[in-house]
Amino acid sequence: MPKLDLAAIPQTNATGYPAPFNKAVEGRWYRRLAPTAGMTHLAATHVVLKPGAWSSQRHWHDDEDELLVIISGKAVLVDDDGEVPMLPGDVAAFPAGDGNGHHLRNTSDEDCVFLVVGAGDKLSGGAYSDIDMVFDEHGFYRRDGTPYGSDRIK
């Protein structure tokens, strides 16, 4: 059946981010939808950001397009252009290779729920705008290539 039962899909707040970069996302709870649906060409994730949580460190992907839709609650989209409030029904798009580091911050006192979908090579790599970290399919590295010793969660 095409309708997914969200309650039946395991929710996690796991991250591969090395310390101290992992702290900001401790309140990010997500469900990977695409594997449950048998989808192999599109990534889809249902995310709940608890108050104070970030969706990720501010990042961009070399070869993955991302599209984000706010379902409920509110958050602040932070990117290279500044901060933009995001409310239910708002949509943000991030083309692959654009280099515009982005993330959401839940600055409210209520959960923010959103759906993010991606297409392209999620594991190809990218970078984090505000910290000394880049990534590829194997893990996280400092910009000089020194590994952090933390594996990416795929």
C-alpha atoms as a PDB file:
ATOM      1  CA  MET A   1       0.000   0.000   0.000  1.00  0.00           C
ATOM      2  CA  PRO A   2       1.422   3.448  -0.909  1.00  0.00           C
ATOM      3  CA  LYS A   3       0.294   5.100   2.338  1.00  0.00           C
ATOM      4  CA  LEU A   4       3.067   4.899   4.926  1.00  0.00           C
ATOM      5  CA  ASP A   5       2.337   4.322   8.602  1.00  0.00           C
ATOM      6  CA  LEU A   6       4.679   6.840  10.256  1.00  0.00           C
ATOM      7  CA  ALA A   7       4.198   5.254  13.665  1.00  0.00           C
ATOM      8  CA  ALA A   8       5.555   1.969  12.301  1.00  0.00           C
ATOM      9  CA  ILE A   9       8.760   3.555  10.963  1.00  0.00           C
ATOM     10  CA  PRO A  10      11.505   3.759  13.583  1.00  0.00           C
ATOM     11  CA  GLN A  11      12.372   7.265  14.726  1.00  0.00           C
ATOM     12  CA  THR A  12      15.935   8.140  15.742  1.00  0.00           C
ATOM     13  CA  ASN A  13      18.062  11.097  16.668  1.00  0.00           C
ATOM     14  CA  ALA A  14      21.298   9.380  15.652  1.00  0.00           C
ATOM     15  CA  THR A  15      24.019  11.490  14.087  1.00  0.00           C
ATOM     16  CA  GLY A  16      27.475  10.792  12.792  1.00  0.00           C
ATOM     17  CA  TYR A  17      28.628  14.315  13.634  1.00  0.00           C
ATOM     18  CA  PRO A  18      31.730  14.347  15.794  1.00  0.00           C
ATOM     19  CA  ALA A  19      31.720  16.261  19.085  1.00  0.00           C
ATOM     20  CA  PRO A  20      31.088  19.089  19.631  1.00  0.00           C
ATOM     21  CA  PHE A  21      29.072  19.448  16.404  1.00  0.00           C
ATOM     22  CA  ASN A  22      26.609  16.724  17.460  1.00  0.00           C
ATOM     23  CA  LYS A  23      25.124  18.738  20.355  1.00  0.00           C
ATOM     24  CA  ALA A  24      23.016  21.107  18.222  1.00  0.00           C
ATOM     25  CA  VAL A  25      21.128  18.202  16.594  1.00  0.00           C
ATOM     26  CA  GLU A  26      20.337  16.176  19.727  1.00  0.00           C
ATOM     27  CA  GLY A  27      16.717  17.368  19.505  1.00  0.00           C
ATOM     28  CA  ARG A  28      16.335  16.338  15.851  1.00  0.00           C
ATOM     29  CA  TRP A  29      14.223  13.184  15.530  1.00  0.00           C
ATOM     30  CA  TYR A  30      13.765  11.668  12.095  1.00  0.00           C
ATOM     31  CA  ARG A  31      12.328   8.778  10.120  1.00  0.00           C
ATOM     32  CA  ARG A  32      13.810   7.665   6.804  1.00  0.00           C
ATOM     33  CA  LEU A  33      10.788   7.150   4.547  1.00  0.00           C
ATOM     34  CA  ALA A  34      12.328   6.081   1.253  1.00  0.00           C
ATOM     35  CA  PRO A  35      13.734   2.686   2.390  1.00  0.00           C
ATOM     36  CA  THR A  36      10.379   1.730   3.932  1.00  0.00           C
ATOM     37  CA  ALA A  37       8.636   2.645   0.678  1.00  0.00           C
ATOM     38  CA  GLY A  38      11.153   0.712  -1.425  1.00  0.00           C
ATOM     39  CA  MET A  39      12.367   3.892  -3.104  1.00  0.00           C
ATOM     40  CA  THR A  40      15.967   3.909  -4.332  1.00  0.00           C
ATOM     41  CA  HIS A  41      16.219   7.114  -6.413  1.00  0.00           C
ATOM     42  CA  LEU A  42      14.770   9.618  -3.953  1.00  0.00           C
ATOM     43  CA  ALA A  43      15.657  10.266  -0.326  1.00  0.00           C
ATOM     44  CA  ALA A  44      12.765  11.325   1.905  1.00  0.00           C
ATOM     45  CA  THR A  45      12.906  12.063   5.610  1.00  0.00           C
ATOM     46  CA  HIS A  46      10.209  13.071   8.101  1.00  0.00           C
ATOM     47  CA  VAL A  47      11.805  15.276  10.771  1.00  0.00           C
ATOM     48  CA  VAL A  48      10.675  16.572  14.143  1.00  0.00           C
ATOM     49  CA  LEU A  49      12.793  19.392  15.568  1.00  0.00           C
ATOM     50  CA  LYS A  50      12.338  19.850  19.283  1.00  0.00           C
ATOM     51  CA  PRO A  51      12.543  23.402  20.664  1.00  0.00           C
ATOM     52  CA  GLY A  52      16.116  24.684  20.426  1.00  0.00           C
ATOM     53  CA  ALA A  53      17.243  21.972  17.995  1.00  0.00           C
ATOM     54  CA  TRP A  54      18.954  22.425  14.651  1.00  0.00           C
ATOM     55  CA  SER A  55      18.198  20.261  11.608  1.00  0.00           C
ATOM     56  CA  SER A  56      21.934  19.929  10.901  1.00  0.00           C
ATOM     57  CA  GLN A  57      25.061  21.981  10.888  1.00  0.00           C
ATOM     58  CA  ARG A  58      24.794  24.561   8.087  1.00  0.00           C
ATOM     59  CA  HIS A  59      25.777  22.557   4.982  1.00  0.00           C
ATOM     60  CA  TRP A  60      25.455  22.050   1.234  1.00  0.00           C
ATOM     61  CA  HIS A  61      25.783  19.019  -1.076  1.00  0.00           C
ATOM     62  CA  ASP A  62      27.932  18.608  -4.190  1.00  0.00           C
ATOM     63  CA  ASP A  63      25.483  16.362  -6.053  1.00  0.00           C
ATOM     64  CA  GLU A  64      22.165  16.253  -4.180  1.00  0.00           C
ATOM     65  CA  ASP A  65      19.182  18.552  -4.649  1.00  0.00           C
ATOM     66  CA  GLU A  66      17.121  19.109  -1.498  1.00  0.00           C
ATOM     67  CA  LEU A  67      13.530  20.288  -1.097  1.00  0.00           C
ATOM     68  CA  LEU A  68      12.042  21.011   2.317  1.00  0.00           C
ATOM     69  CA  VAL A  69       8.372  21.539   3.286  1.00  0.00           C
ATOM     70  CA  ILE A  70       7.253  22.699   6.736  1.00  0.00           C
ATOM     71  CA  ILE A  71       4.290  20.614   7.944  1.00  0.00           C
ATOM     72  CA  SER A  72       3.650  22.112  11.380  1.00  0.00           C
ATOM     73  CA  GLY A  73       5.271  24.453  13.862  1.00  0.00           C
ATOM     74  CA  LYS A  74       7.794  27.032  12.825  1.00  0.00           C
ATOM     75  CA  ALA A  75      11.525  27.360  12.358  1.00  0.00           C
ATOM     76  CA  VAL A  76      14.114  29.767  11.058  1.00  0.00           C
ATOM     77  CA  LEU A  77      15.924  28.939   7.828  1.00  0.00           C
ATOM     78  CA  VAL A  78      19.528  30.101   8.095  1.00  0.00           C
ATOM     79  CA  ASP A  79      21.558  30.327   4.897  1.00  0.00           C
ATOM     80  CA  ASP A  80      24.185  32.563   3.295  1.00  0.00           C
ATOM     81  CA  ASP A  81      21.551  35.288   2.776  1.00  0.00           C
ATOM     82  CA  GLY A  82      20.537  35.455   6.447  1.00  0.00           C
ATOM     83  CA  GLU A  83      17.528  34.207   8.400  1.00  0.00           C
ATOM     84  CA  VAL A  84      13.998  33.609   7.074  1.00  0.00           C
ATOM     85  CA  PRO A  85      10.993  32.490   9.148  1.00  0.00           C
ATOM     86  CA  MET A  86       9.469  29.221   7.921  1.00  0.00           C
ATOM     87  CA  LEU A  87       5.808  28.417   8.663  1.00  0.00           C
ATOM     88  CA  PRO A  88       3.497  25.508   7.764  1.00  0.00           C
ATOM     89  CA  GLY A  89       3.268  25.175   3.985  1.00  0.00           C
ATOM     90  CA  ASP A  90       6.512  27.061   3.340  1.00  0.00           C
ATOM     91  CA  VAL A  91       8.945  25.416   0.941  1.00  0.00           C
ATOM     92  CA  ALA A  92      12.698  25.860   0.533  1.00  0.00           C
ATOM     93  CA  ALA A  93      14.845  24.449  -2.286  1.00  0.00           C
ATOM     94  CA  PHE A  94      18.597  23.882  -2.387  1.00  0.00           C
ATOM     95  CA  PRO A  95      20.156  22.927  -5.746  1.00  0.00           C
ATOM     96  CA  ALA A  96      23.113  20.557  -5.784  1.00  0.00           C
ATOM     97  CA  GLY A  97      26.499  22.247  -5.859  1.00  0.00           C
ATOM     98  CA  ASP A  98      25.070  25.680  -5.048  1.00  0.00           C
ATOM     99  CA  GLY A  99      27.379  26.190  -2.061  1.00  0.00           C
ATOM    100  CA  ASN A 100      24.677  28.003  -0.049  1.00  0.00           C
ATOM    101  CA  GLY A 101      25.058  26.474   3.403  1.00  0.00           C
ATOM    102  CA  HIS A 102      21.658  26.009   5.017  1.00  0.00           C
ATOM    103  CA  HIS A 103      19.834  24.530   7.983  1.00  0.00           C
ATOM    104  CA  LEU A 104      16.755  25.033  10.136  1.00  0.00           C
ATOM    105  CA  ARG A 105      16.719  26.144  13.758  1.00  0.00           C
ATOM    106  CA  ASN A 106      13.676  25.668  15.938  1.00  0.00           C
ATOM    107  CA  THR A 107      13.680  28.859  17.982  1.00  0.00           C
ATOM    108  CA  SER A 108      10.090  28.355  19.178  1.00  0.00           C
ATOM    109  CA  ASP A 109       8.767  26.514  22.228  1.00  0.00           C
ATOM    110  CA  GLU A 110       6.873  23.927  20.132  1.00  0.00           C
ATOM    111  CA  ASP A 111       7.945  21.063  17.872  1.00  0.00           C
ATOM    112  CA  CYS A 112       8.559  21.845  14.222  1.00  0.00           C
ATOM    113  CA  VAL A 113       7.731  19.051  11.774  1.00  0.00           C
ATOM    114  CA  PHE A 114       8.985  19.029   8.197  1.00  0.00           C
ATOM    115  CA  LEU A 115       9.586  16.754   5.245  1.00  0.00           C
ATOM    116  CA  VAL A 116      12.837  16.918   3.320  1.00  0.00           C
ATOM    117  CA  VAL A 117      13.399  15.098   0.031  1.00  0.00           C
ATOM    118  CA  GLY A 118      16.592  14.781  -1.918  1.00  0.00           C
ATOM    119  CA  ALA A 119      17.560  13.530  -5.352  1.00  0.00           C
ATOM    120  CA  GLY A 120      21.018  12.856  -6.676  1.00  0.00           C
ATOM    121  CA  ASP A 121      24.089  11.383  -5.043  1.00  0.00           C
ATOM    122  CA  LYS A 122      23.573  12.047  -1.334  1.00  0.00           C
ATOM    123  CA  LEU A 123      26.893  10.471  -0.443  1.00  0.00           C
ATOM    124  CA  SER A 124      29.048  12.352  -2.951  1.00  0.00           C
ATOM    125  CA  GLY A 125      30.126  15.024  -0.522  1.00  0.00           C
ATOM    126  CA  GLY A 126      29.784  18.603   0.516  1.00  0.00           C
ATOM    127  CA  ALA A 127      30.847  21.052   3.169  1.00  0.00           C
ATOM    128  CA  TYR A 128      29.778  22.884   6.292  1.00  0.00           C
ATOM    129  CA  SER A 129      29.768  26.656   6.054  1.00  0.00           C
ATOM    130  CA  ASP A 130      30.437  27.654   9.648  1.00  0.00           C
ATOM    131  CA  ILE A 131      32.783  24.951  10.920  1.00  0.00           C
ATOM    132  CA  ASP A 132      35.991  23.241   9.836  1.00  0.00           C
ATOM    133  CA  MET A 133      34.279  20.180   8.379  1.00  0.00           C
ATOM    134  CA  VAL A 134      33.605  18.585   5.003  1.00  0.00           C
ATOM    135  CA  PHE A 135      32.072  15.197   4.228  1.00  0.00           C
ATOM    136  CA  ASP A 136      32.062  12.408   1.696  1.00  0.00           C
ATOM    137  CA  GLU A 137      30.538   8.938   1.616  1.00  0.00           C
ATOM    138  CA  HIS A 138      33.030   7.664   4.207  1.00  0.00           C
ATOM    139  CA  GLY A 139      32.888  10.290   6.910  1.00  0.00           C
ATOM    140  CA  PHE A 140      33.764  13.726   8.170  1.00  0.00           C
ATOM    141  CA  TYR A 141      37.074  15.547   7.709  1.00  0.00           C
ATOM    142  CA  ARG A 142      38.688  18.837   8.530  1.00  0.00           C
ATOM    143  CA  ARG A 143      39.271  21.027   5.491  1.00  0.00           C
ATOM    144  CA  ASP A 144      42.941  19.961   5.507  1.00  0.00           C
ATOM    145  CA  GLY A 145      41.802  16.324   5.026  1.00  0.00           C
ATOM    146  CA  THR A 146      42.376  15.129   8.602  1.00  0.00           C
ATOM    147  CA  PRO A 147      39.571  12.704   9.506  1.00  0.00           C
ATOM    148  CA  TYR A 148      37.398  13.301  12.542  1.00  0.00           C
ATOM    149  CA  GLY A 149      37.023   9.537  12.954  1.00  0.00           C
ATOM    150  CA  SER A 150      33.239   9.652  12.796  1.00  0.00           C
ATOM    151  CA  ASP A 151      31.236   7.734  10.202  1.00  0.00           C
ATOM    152  CA  ARG A 152      28.360   9.299   8.289  1.00  0.00           C
ATOM    153  CA  ILE A 153      24.929   7.880   8.945  1.00  0.00           C
ATOM    154  CA  LYS A 154      23.501   6.913   5.595  1.00  0.00           C
END
